[in-house]
C-alpha atoms as a PDB file:
ATOM      1  CA  ASN A   1      78.047 114.100 130.406  1.00  0.00           C
ATOM      2  CA  ILE A   2      76.332 113.743 127.409  1.00  0.00           C
ATOM      3  CA  ASN A   3      73.393 114.321 130.122  1.00  0.00           C
ATOM      4  CA  ASN A   4      74.748 117.390 131.271  1.00  0.00           C
ATOM      5  CA  MET A   5      75.625 118.670 127.604  1.00  0.00           C
ATOM      6  CA  ARG A   6      72.061 117.808 126.906  1.00  0.00           C
ATOM      7  CA  LYS A   7      70.816 119.968 129.635  1.00  0.00           C
ATOM      8  CA  SER A   8      72.581 122.854 128.841  1.00  0.00           C
ATOM      9  CA  PHE A   9      71.542 122.377 125.286  1.00  0.00           C
ATOM     10  CA  LYS A  10      68.291 122.608 126.148  1.00  0.00           C
ATOM     11  CA  ASN A  11      68.581 125.467 129.343  1.00  0.00           C
ATOM     12  CA  SER A  12      70.265 127.683 126.049  1.00  0.00           C
ATOM     13  CA  LEU A  13      67.247 126.786 123.740  1.00  0.00           C
ATOM     14  CA  GLU A  14      64.722 127.890 125.708  1.00  0.00           C
ATOM     15  CA  SER A  15      66.990 130.966 126.778  1.00  0.00           C
ATOM     16  CA  GLU A  16      67.201 131.967 123.327  1.00  0.00           C
ATOM     17  CA  MET A  17      63.590 131.198 122.652  1.00  0.00           C
ATOM     18  CA  LYS A  18      62.539 133.446 125.288  1.00  0.00           C
ATOM     19  CA  SER A  19      64.624 136.114 124.116  1.00  0.00           C
ATOM     20  CA  GLU A  20      63.109 136.220 120.800  1.00  0.00           C
ATOM     21  CA  ARG A  21      59.501 135.941 122.111  1.00  0.00           C
ATOM     22  CA  LEU A  22      60.519 139.426 124.499  1.00  0.00           C
ATOM     23  CA  LYS A  23      62.108 140.988 121.126  1.00  0.00           C
ATOM     24  CA  SER A  24      58.869 140.174 119.518  1.00  0.00           C
ATOM     25  CA  GLU A  25      56.538 141.337 122.384  1.00  0.00           C
ATOM     26  CA  LEU A  26      58.708 144.732 122.894  1.00  0.00           C
ATOM     27  CA  ILE A  27      58.574 145.475 119.167  1.00  0.00           C
ATOM     28  CA  THR A  28      54.527 144.936 119.374  1.00  0.00           C
ATOM     29  CA  ASN A  29      53.504 146.624 122.288  1.00  0.00           C
ATOM     30  CA  VAL A  30      56.277 149.700 121.707  1.00  0.00           C
ATOM     31  CA  SER A  31      54.833 150.028 118.053  1.00  0.00           C
ATOM     32  CA  HIS A  32      51.135 150.051 119.806  1.00  0.00           C
ATOM     33  CA  ASP A  33      51.685 152.493 122.597  1.00  0.00           C
ATOM     34  CA  LEU A  34      53.257 155.000 119.817  1.00  0.00           C
ATOM     35  CA  LYS A  35      50.819 154.491 117.501  1.00  0.00           C
ATOM     36  CA  THR A  36      47.423 154.585 119.547  1.00  0.00           C
ATOM     37  CA  PRO A  37      48.398 158.114 120.830  1.00  0.00           C
ATOM     38  CA  LEU A  38      49.759 159.088 117.249  1.00  0.00           C
ATOM     39  CA  THR A  39      45.743 157.885 115.642  1.00  0.00           C
ATOM     40  CA  SER A  40      43.976 160.309 118.133  1.00  0.00           C
ATOM     41  CA  ILE A  41      46.684 163.199 116.940  1.00  0.00           C
ATOM     42  CA  ILE A  42      46.342 162.820 113.857  1.00  0.00           C
ATOM     43  CA  ASN A  43      42.622 161.558 113.655  1.00  0.00           C
ATOM     44  CA  TYR A  44      41.718 165.108 115.772  1.00  0.00           C
ATOM     45  CA  ILE A  45      44.021 167.322 113.640  1.00  0.00           C
ATOM     46  CA  ASP A  46      41.192 165.739 110.951  1.00  0.00           C
ATOM     47  CA  LEU A  47      37.833 167.200 112.592  1.00  0.00           C
ATOM     48  CA  LEU A  48      40.029 170.867 113.603  1.00  0.00           C
ATOM     49  CA  LYS A  49      40.421 171.009 109.746  1.00  0.00           C
ATOM     50  CA  GLN A  50      36.415 171.283 109.307  1.00  0.00           C
ATOM     51  CA  LYS A  51      35.136 174.695 109.046  1.00  0.00           C
ATOM     52  CA  ASP A  52      31.635 174.230 110.742  1.00  0.00           C
ATOM     53  CA  ILE A  53      32.891 173.444 114.557  1.00  0.00           C
ATOM     54  CA  THR A  54      32.047 175.117 117.310  1.00  0.00           C
ATOM     55  CA  SER A  55      33.899 176.975 119.929  1.00  0.00           C
ATOM     56  CA  GLU A  56      33.005 174.615 122.715  1.00  0.00           C
ATOM     57  CA  GLU A  57      34.510 171.548 120.126  1.00  0.00           C
ATOM     58  CA  LEU A  58      37.523 173.437 119.598  1.00  0.00           C
ATOM     59  CA  TYR A  59      38.577 173.652 123.191  1.00  0.00           C
ATOM     60  CA  GLU A  60      37.778 169.794 123.462  1.00  0.00           C
ATOM     61  CA  TYR A  61      39.643 169.190 120.734  1.00  0.00           C
ATOM     62  CA  ILE A  62      42.870 171.174 121.723  1.00  0.00           C
ATOM     63  CA  SER A  63      42.453 169.799 124.955  1.00  0.00           C
ATOM     64  CA  ILE A  64      42.326 165.938 123.509  1.00  0.00           C
ATOM     65  CA  LEU A  65      45.472 167.010 121.448  1.00  0.00           C
ATOM     66  CA  ASP A  66      47.671 167.848 124.542  1.00  0.00           C
ATOM     67  CA  LYS A  67      46.858 164.746 126.364  1.00  0.00           C
ATOM     68  CA  LYS A  68      47.669 162.260 123.490  1.00  0.00           C
ATOM     69  CA  SER A  69      50.549 164.459 122.876  1.00  0.00           C
ATOM     70  CA  GLN A  70      51.894 164.867 126.670  1.00  0.00           C
ATOM     71  CA  ARG A  71      51.310 160.728 126.134  1.00  0.00           C
ATOM     72  CA  LEU A  72      53.567 160.419 123.232  1.00  0.00           C
ATOM     73  CA  LYS A  73      55.885 162.591 124.446  1.00  0.00           C
ATOM     74  CA  VAL A  74      56.276 160.417 128.068  1.00  0.00           C
ATOM     75  CA  ILE A  75      56.863 157.313 125.881  1.00  0.00           C
ATOM     76  CA  ILE A  76      59.823 158.880 123.795  1.00  0.00           C
ATOM     77  CA  GLU A  77      61.695 160.409 126.806  1.00  0.00           C
ATOM     78  CA  ASP A  78      61.132 156.846 128.095  1.00  0.00           C
ATOM     79  CA  LEU A  79      62.771 154.803 125.602  1.00  0.00           C
ATOM     80  CA  PHE A  80      65.302 157.192 125.333  1.00  0.00           C
ATOM     81  CA  GLU A  81      65.837 156.719 129.149  1.00  0.00           C
ATOM     82  CA  ALA A  82      65.578 153.469 128.808  1.00  0.00           C
ATOM     83  CA  SER A  83      68.505 153.123 125.837  1.00  0.00           C
ATOM     84  CA  LYS A  84      71.036 155.290 127.658  1.00  0.00           C
ATOM     85  CA  ILE A  85      70.704 153.396 130.577  1.00  0.00           C
ATOM     86  CA  THR A  86      71.061 150.024 128.723  1.00  0.00           C
ATOM     87  CA  SER A  87      73.729 151.168 126.545  1.00  0.00           C
ATOM     88  CA  GLY A  88      75.900 152.444 129.699  1.00  0.00           C
ATOM     89  CA  SER A  89      75.958 156.246 129.067  1.00  0.00           C
ATOM     90  CA  VAL A  90      74.397 157.678 131.916  1.00  0.00           C
ATOM     91  CA  GLU A  91      76.435 159.520 134.625  1.00  0.00           C
ATOM     92  CA  LEU A  92      75.302 159.298 138.113  1.00  0.00           C
ATOM     93  CA  ASN A  93      76.321 161.930 140.799  1.00  0.00           C
ATOM     94  CA  MET A  94      76.477 160.470 144.434  1.00  0.00           C
ATOM     95  CA  GLU A  95      75.906 161.876 146.904  1.00  0.00           C
ATOM     96  CA  LYS A  96      74.848 161.752 150.942  1.00  0.00           C
ATOM     97  CA  LEU A  97      71.111 162.193 151.030  1.00  0.00           C
ATOM     98  CA  ASP A  98      68.308 161.695 153.220  1.00  0.00           C
ATOM     99  CA  VAL A  99      66.074 159.503 151.948  1.00  0.00           C
ATOM    100  CA  ILE A 100      63.170 160.325 153.957  1.00  0.00           C
ATOM    101  CA  SER A 101      63.132 164.043 152.373  1.00  0.00           C
ATOM    102  CA  LEU A 102      63.526 162.527 148.935  1.00  0.00           C
ATOM    103  CA  LEU A 103      60.509 160.386 149.692  1.00  0.00           C
ATOM    104  CA  ASN A 104      58.247 163.110 151.224  1.00  0.00           C
ATOM    105  CA  GLN A 105      59.111 165.178 148.632  1.00  0.00           C
ATOM    106  CA  ALA A 106      58.348 162.497 145.717  1.00  0.00           C
ATOM    107  CA  LEU A 107      54.990 162.051 148.017  1.00  0.00           C
ATOM    108  CA  ALA A 108      54.528 165.884 148.031  1.00  0.00           C
ATOM    109  CA  GLU A 109      54.712 166.158 143.989  1.00  0.00           C
ATOM    110  CA  PHE A 110      51.862 163.544 143.794  1.00  0.00           C
ATOM    111  CA  ASP A 111      49.757 165.300 146.575  1.00  0.00           C
ATOM    112  CA  GLU A 112      46.780 166.236 144.310  1.00  0.00           C
ATOM    113  CA  LYS A 113      46.471 163.004 142.451  1.00  0.00           C
ATOM    114  CA  ILE A 114      46.963 160.783 145.330  1.00  0.00           C
ATOM    115  CA  LYS A 115      44.101 163.460 147.323  1.00  0.00           C
ATOM    116  CA  LYS A 116      41.787 162.747 143.587  1.00  0.00           C
ATOM    117  CA  SER A 117      42.411 159.081 143.996  1.00  0.00           C
ATOM    118  CA  THR A 118      40.226 156.992 146.345  1.00  0.00           C
ATOM    119  CA  LEU A 119      43.680 155.333 147.929  1.00  0.00           C
ATOM    120  CA  GLU A 120      44.820 155.987 151.277  1.00  0.00           C
ATOM    121  CA  PHE A 121      48.460 156.352 151.906  1.00  0.00           C
ATOM    122  CA  LYS A 122      49.930 155.026 154.993  1.00  0.00           C
ATOM    123  CA  VAL A 123      53.740 155.718 155.273  1.00  0.00           C
ATOM    124  CA  SER A 124      55.996 154.850 158.424  1.00  0.00           C
ATOM    125  CA  TYR A 125      59.837 155.680 158.715  1.00  0.00           C
ATOM    126  CA  PRO A 126      62.300 155.889 161.434  1.00  0.00           C
ATOM    127  CA  ILE A 127      61.775 159.923 163.523  1.00  0.00           C
ATOM    128  CA  ASN A 128      65.466 160.118 162.844  1.00  0.00           C
ATOM    129  CA  LYS A 129      67.007 160.972 159.146  1.00  0.00           C
ATOM    130  CA  VAL A 130      68.047 158.286 157.042  1.00  0.00           C
ATOM    131  CA  TYR A 131      71.538 158.636 154.822  1.00  0.00           C
ATOM    132  CA  LEU A 132      72.670 156.863 151.851  1.00  0.00           C
ATOM    133  CA  ASN A 133      74.611 157.759 149.029  1.00  0.00           C
ATOM    134  CA  LEU A 134      72.561 158.405 146.189  1.00  0.00           C
ATOM    135  CA  ASP A 135      72.040 160.026 142.688  1.00  0.00           C
ATOM    136  CA  GLY A 136      68.784 162.463 144.047  1.00  0.00           C
ATOM    137  CA  LYS A 137      67.667 163.096 140.355  1.00  0.00           C
ATOM    138  CA  LYS A 138      67.695 159.577 139.921  1.00  0.00           C
ATOM    139  CA  THR A 139      66.379 158.152 142.981  1.00  0.00           C
ATOM    140  CA  TRP A 140      63.546 161.231 142.476  1.00  0.00           C
ATOM    141  CA  ARG A 141      62.636 159.074 139.155  1.00  0.00           C
ATOM    142  CA  VAL A 142      62.195 156.024 141.184  1.00  0.00           C
ATOM    143  CA  PHE A 143      59.859 156.860 143.482  1.00  0.00           C
ATOM    144  CA  GLU A 144      57.947 158.953 140.976  1.00  0.00           C
ATOM    145  CA  ASN A 145      57.940 155.845 138.736  1.00  0.00           C
ATOM    146  CA  LEU A 146      56.863 153.515 141.320  1.00  0.00           C
ATOM    147  CA  ILE A 147      54.647 156.162 143.212  1.00  0.00           C
ATOM    148  CA  GLY A 148      52.997 156.474 139.423  1.00  0.00           C
ATOM    149  CA  ASN A 149      52.463 152.941 139.429  1.00  0.00           C
ATOM    150  CA  ILE A 150      51.061 152.393 142.605  1.00  0.00           C
ATOM    151  CA  LEU A 151      47.972 155.147 141.587  1.00  0.00           C
ATOM    152  CA  LYS A 152      47.747 154.508 137.763  1.00  0.00           C
ATOM    153  CA  TYR A 153      47.206 150.487 138.798  1.00  0.00           C
ATOM    154  CA  SER A 154      46.179 150.044 141.892  1.00  0.00           C
ATOM    155  CA  GLN A 155      42.303 148.723 142.686  1.00  0.00           C
ATOM    156  CA  LYS A 156      39.996 151.870 144.455  1.00  0.00           C
ATOM    157  CA  ASN A 157      39.297 151.885 147.884  1.00  0.00           C
ATOM    158  CA  THR A 158      42.003 150.634 149.035  1.00  0.00           C
ATOM    159  CA  ARG A 159      45.294 150.997 151.272  1.00  0.00           C
ATOM    160  CA  VAL A 160      48.743 151.412 150.353  1.00  0.00           C
ATOM    161  CA  TYR A 161      51.626 150.915 152.534  1.00  0.00           C
ATOM    162  CA  ILE A 162      55.053 152.814 152.197  1.00  0.00           C
ATOM    163  CA  ASP A 163      57.975 151.580 154.839  1.00  0.00           C
ATOM    164  CA  ILE A 164      61.487 152.784 155.171  1.00  0.00           C
ATOM    165  CA  VAL A 165      63.238 150.134 157.635  1.00  0.00           C
ATOM    166  CA  GLU A 166      66.415 150.943 158.612  1.00  0.00           C
ATOM    167  CA  GLU A 167      68.762 147.978 159.326  1.00  0.00           C
ATOM    168  CA  LYS A 168      73.036 147.395 159.828  1.00  0.00           C
ATOM    169  CA  GLU A 169      74.109 146.908 156.502  1.00  0.00           C
ATOM    170  CA  LYS A 170      71.132 148.519 154.514  1.00  0.00           C
ATOM    171  CA  VAL A 171      68.034 150.421 154.051  1.00  0.00           C
ATOM    172  CA  ASN A 172      64.841 148.436 153.016  1.00  0.00           C
ATOM    173  CA  ILE A 173      62.138 150.891 151.156  1.00  0.00           C
ATOM    174  CA  ILE A 174      58.767 148.884 150.717  1.00  0.00           C
ATOM    175  CA  MET A 175      56.428 149.889 148.826  1.00  0.00           C
ATOM    176  CA  LYS A 176      52.769 147.693 149.074  1.00  0.00           C
ATOM    177  CA  ASN A 177      49.645 147.972 146.801  1.00  0.00           C
ATOM    178  CA  ILE A 178      46.741 145.917 145.825  1.00  0.00           C
ATOM    179  CA  SER A 179      46.684 145.551 141.896  1.00  0.00           C
ATOM    180  CA  ALA A 180      43.381 146.263 140.234  1.00  0.00           C
ATOM    181  CA  PHE A 181      44.103 143.784 137.464  1.00  0.00           C
ATOM    182  CA  GLU A 182      45.105 140.157 138.254  1.00  0.00           C
ATOM    183  CA  LEU A 183      48.200 139.239 138.304  1.00  0.00           C
ATOM    184  CA  ASN A 184      48.684 136.002 136.626  1.00  0.00           C
ATOM    185  CA  PHE A 185      52.517 136.106 134.942  1.00  0.00           C
ATOM    186  CA  ASP A 186      55.643 135.442 136.572  1.00  0.00           C
ATOM    187  CA  VAL A 187      57.496 137.796 138.949  1.00  0.00           C
ATOM    188  CA  ASP A 188      60.068 138.478 136.451  1.00  0.00           C
ATOM    189  CA  GLU A 189      57.489 139.339 133.682  1.00  0.00           C
ATOM    190  CA  ILE A 190      56.668 142.443 135.701  1.00  0.00           C
ATOM    191  CA  PHE A 191      60.501 144.153 135.317  1.00  0.00           C
ATOM    192  CA  GLU A 192      60.328 143.599 131.210  1.00  0.00           C
ATOM    193  CA  ARG A 193      60.156 146.620 129.464  1.00  0.00           C
ATOM    194  CA  PHE A 194      56.888 147.307 127.442  1.00  0.00           C
ATOM    195  CA  LYS A 195      55.230 144.302 130.886  1.00  0.00           C
ATOM    196  CA  ARG A 196      51.992 145.829 131.907  1.00  0.00           C
ATOM    197  CA  GLY A 197      49.337 144.480 134.570  1.00  0.00           C
ATOM    198  CA  ASP A 198      46.660 146.400 132.568  1.00  0.00           C
ATOM    199  CA  GLN A 199      46.778 143.608 129.783  1.00  0.00           C
ATOM    200  CA  SER A 200      44.518 145.853 127.808  1.00  0.00           C
ATOM    201  CA  ARG A 201      46.938 148.863 128.000  1.00  0.00           C
ATOM    202  CA  SER A 202      44.140 151.288 128.320  1.00  0.00           C
ATOM    203  CA  THR A 203      45.833 152.614 131.388  1.00  0.00           C
ATOM    204  CA  GLU A 204      48.066 155.294 131.000  1.00  0.00           C
ATOM    205  CA  GLY A 205      52.348 154.910 130.969  1.00  0.00           C
ATOM    206  CA  SER A 206      54.947 153.303 128.607  1.00  0.00           C
ATOM    207  CA  GLY A 207      55.323 150.270 130.113  1.00  0.00           C
ATOM    208  CA  LEU A 208      59.349 151.533 130.772  1.00  0.00           C
ATOM    209  CA  GLY A 209      58.822 152.723 134.415  1.00  0.00           C
ATOM    210  CA  LEU A 210      59.594 149.823 136.280  1.00  0.00           C
ATOM    211  CA  ALA A 211      62.305 148.784 134.434  1.00  0.00           C
ATOM    212  CA  ILE A 212      64.100 151.994 134.217  1.00  0.00           C
ATOM    213  CA  ALA A 213      63.631 151.973 137.884  1.00  0.00           C
ATOM    214  CA  LYS A 214      65.268 148.276 138.510  1.00  0.00           C
ATOM    215  CA  SER A 215      68.054 149.798 136.102  1.00  0.00           C
ATOM    216  CA  ILE A 216      68.715 152.999 138.408  1.00  0.00           C
ATOM    217  CA  VAL A 217      68.752 150.924 141.843  1.00  0.00           C
ATOM    218  CA  GLU A 218      71.258 148.572 140.120  1.00  0.00           C
ATOM    219  CA  MET A 219      73.427 151.065 138.807  1.00  0.00           C
ATOM    220  CA  GLU A 220      73.429 152.827 142.534  1.00  0.00           C
ATOM    221  CA  GLY A 221      74.426 149.457 143.956  1.00  0.00           C
ATOM    222  CA  GLY A 222      71.215 148.652 145.378  1.00  0.00           C
ATOM    223  CA  ARG A 223      68.293 145.470 144.576  1.00  0.00           C
ATOM    224  CA  LEU A 224      64.580 146.609 143.199  1.00  0.00           C
ATOM    225  CA  ASN A 225      62.514 143.290 143.554  1.00  0.00           C
ATOM    226  CA  ILE A 226      58.738 142.299 143.460  1.00  0.00           C
ATOM    227  CA  GLN A 227      56.788 139.940 145.260  1.00  0.00           C
ATOM    228  CA  ILE A 228      53.417 138.907 144.773  1.00  0.00           C
ATOM    229  CA  ASP A 229      50.875 137.278 147.147  1.00  0.00           C
ATOM    230  CA  GLY A 230      47.609 137.630 145.574  1.00  0.00           C
ATOM    231  CA  ASP A 231      47.398 140.428 143.561  1.00  0.00           C
END
């Protein structure tokens, strides 16, 4: 009994330490991700105040301001989305949907970015329609986050495989890509908020995409997991 109590106390202590570490990392990361575009916006507004700037410089500064403000908007929207999901205040509008059609719509939305990338997408799914009870808008968000992640974090000039496999009791949607960054951390950590494969945090994104996708899938009664083989 004493050994069991000791083991239980040790597990509890480790869990508490991990929770505190994650809380500290979350605060550090969200501060960094909000501060970076905000600092750029402030600096470029100062540059715009100068009287001797050319029209070319003016156009360049406004373009950068637009890009940085859009980035800030994405981070804040994702923060609100994650907050709503955590508090349980999200309502689902479940209906019978063709998951193949939904995936194809998401891929069509990314068509321009896919063409501009050096990635080759290989998509495979059944000939017949595959129906699931889903919230269309929320599932769209899941696909948007996952495909967006692939475009941001994949090694250049590699293939991406997306497969829909229908089974008796479930439907598997599998996405495979090769990471441009070394995946030298635990699988579960990838779903942590603000965890990024790009540790320099130089890529676009809020670091909330996978955490939001996982929460939505679980609310719909599904499971989202990651398997790592090398990178």
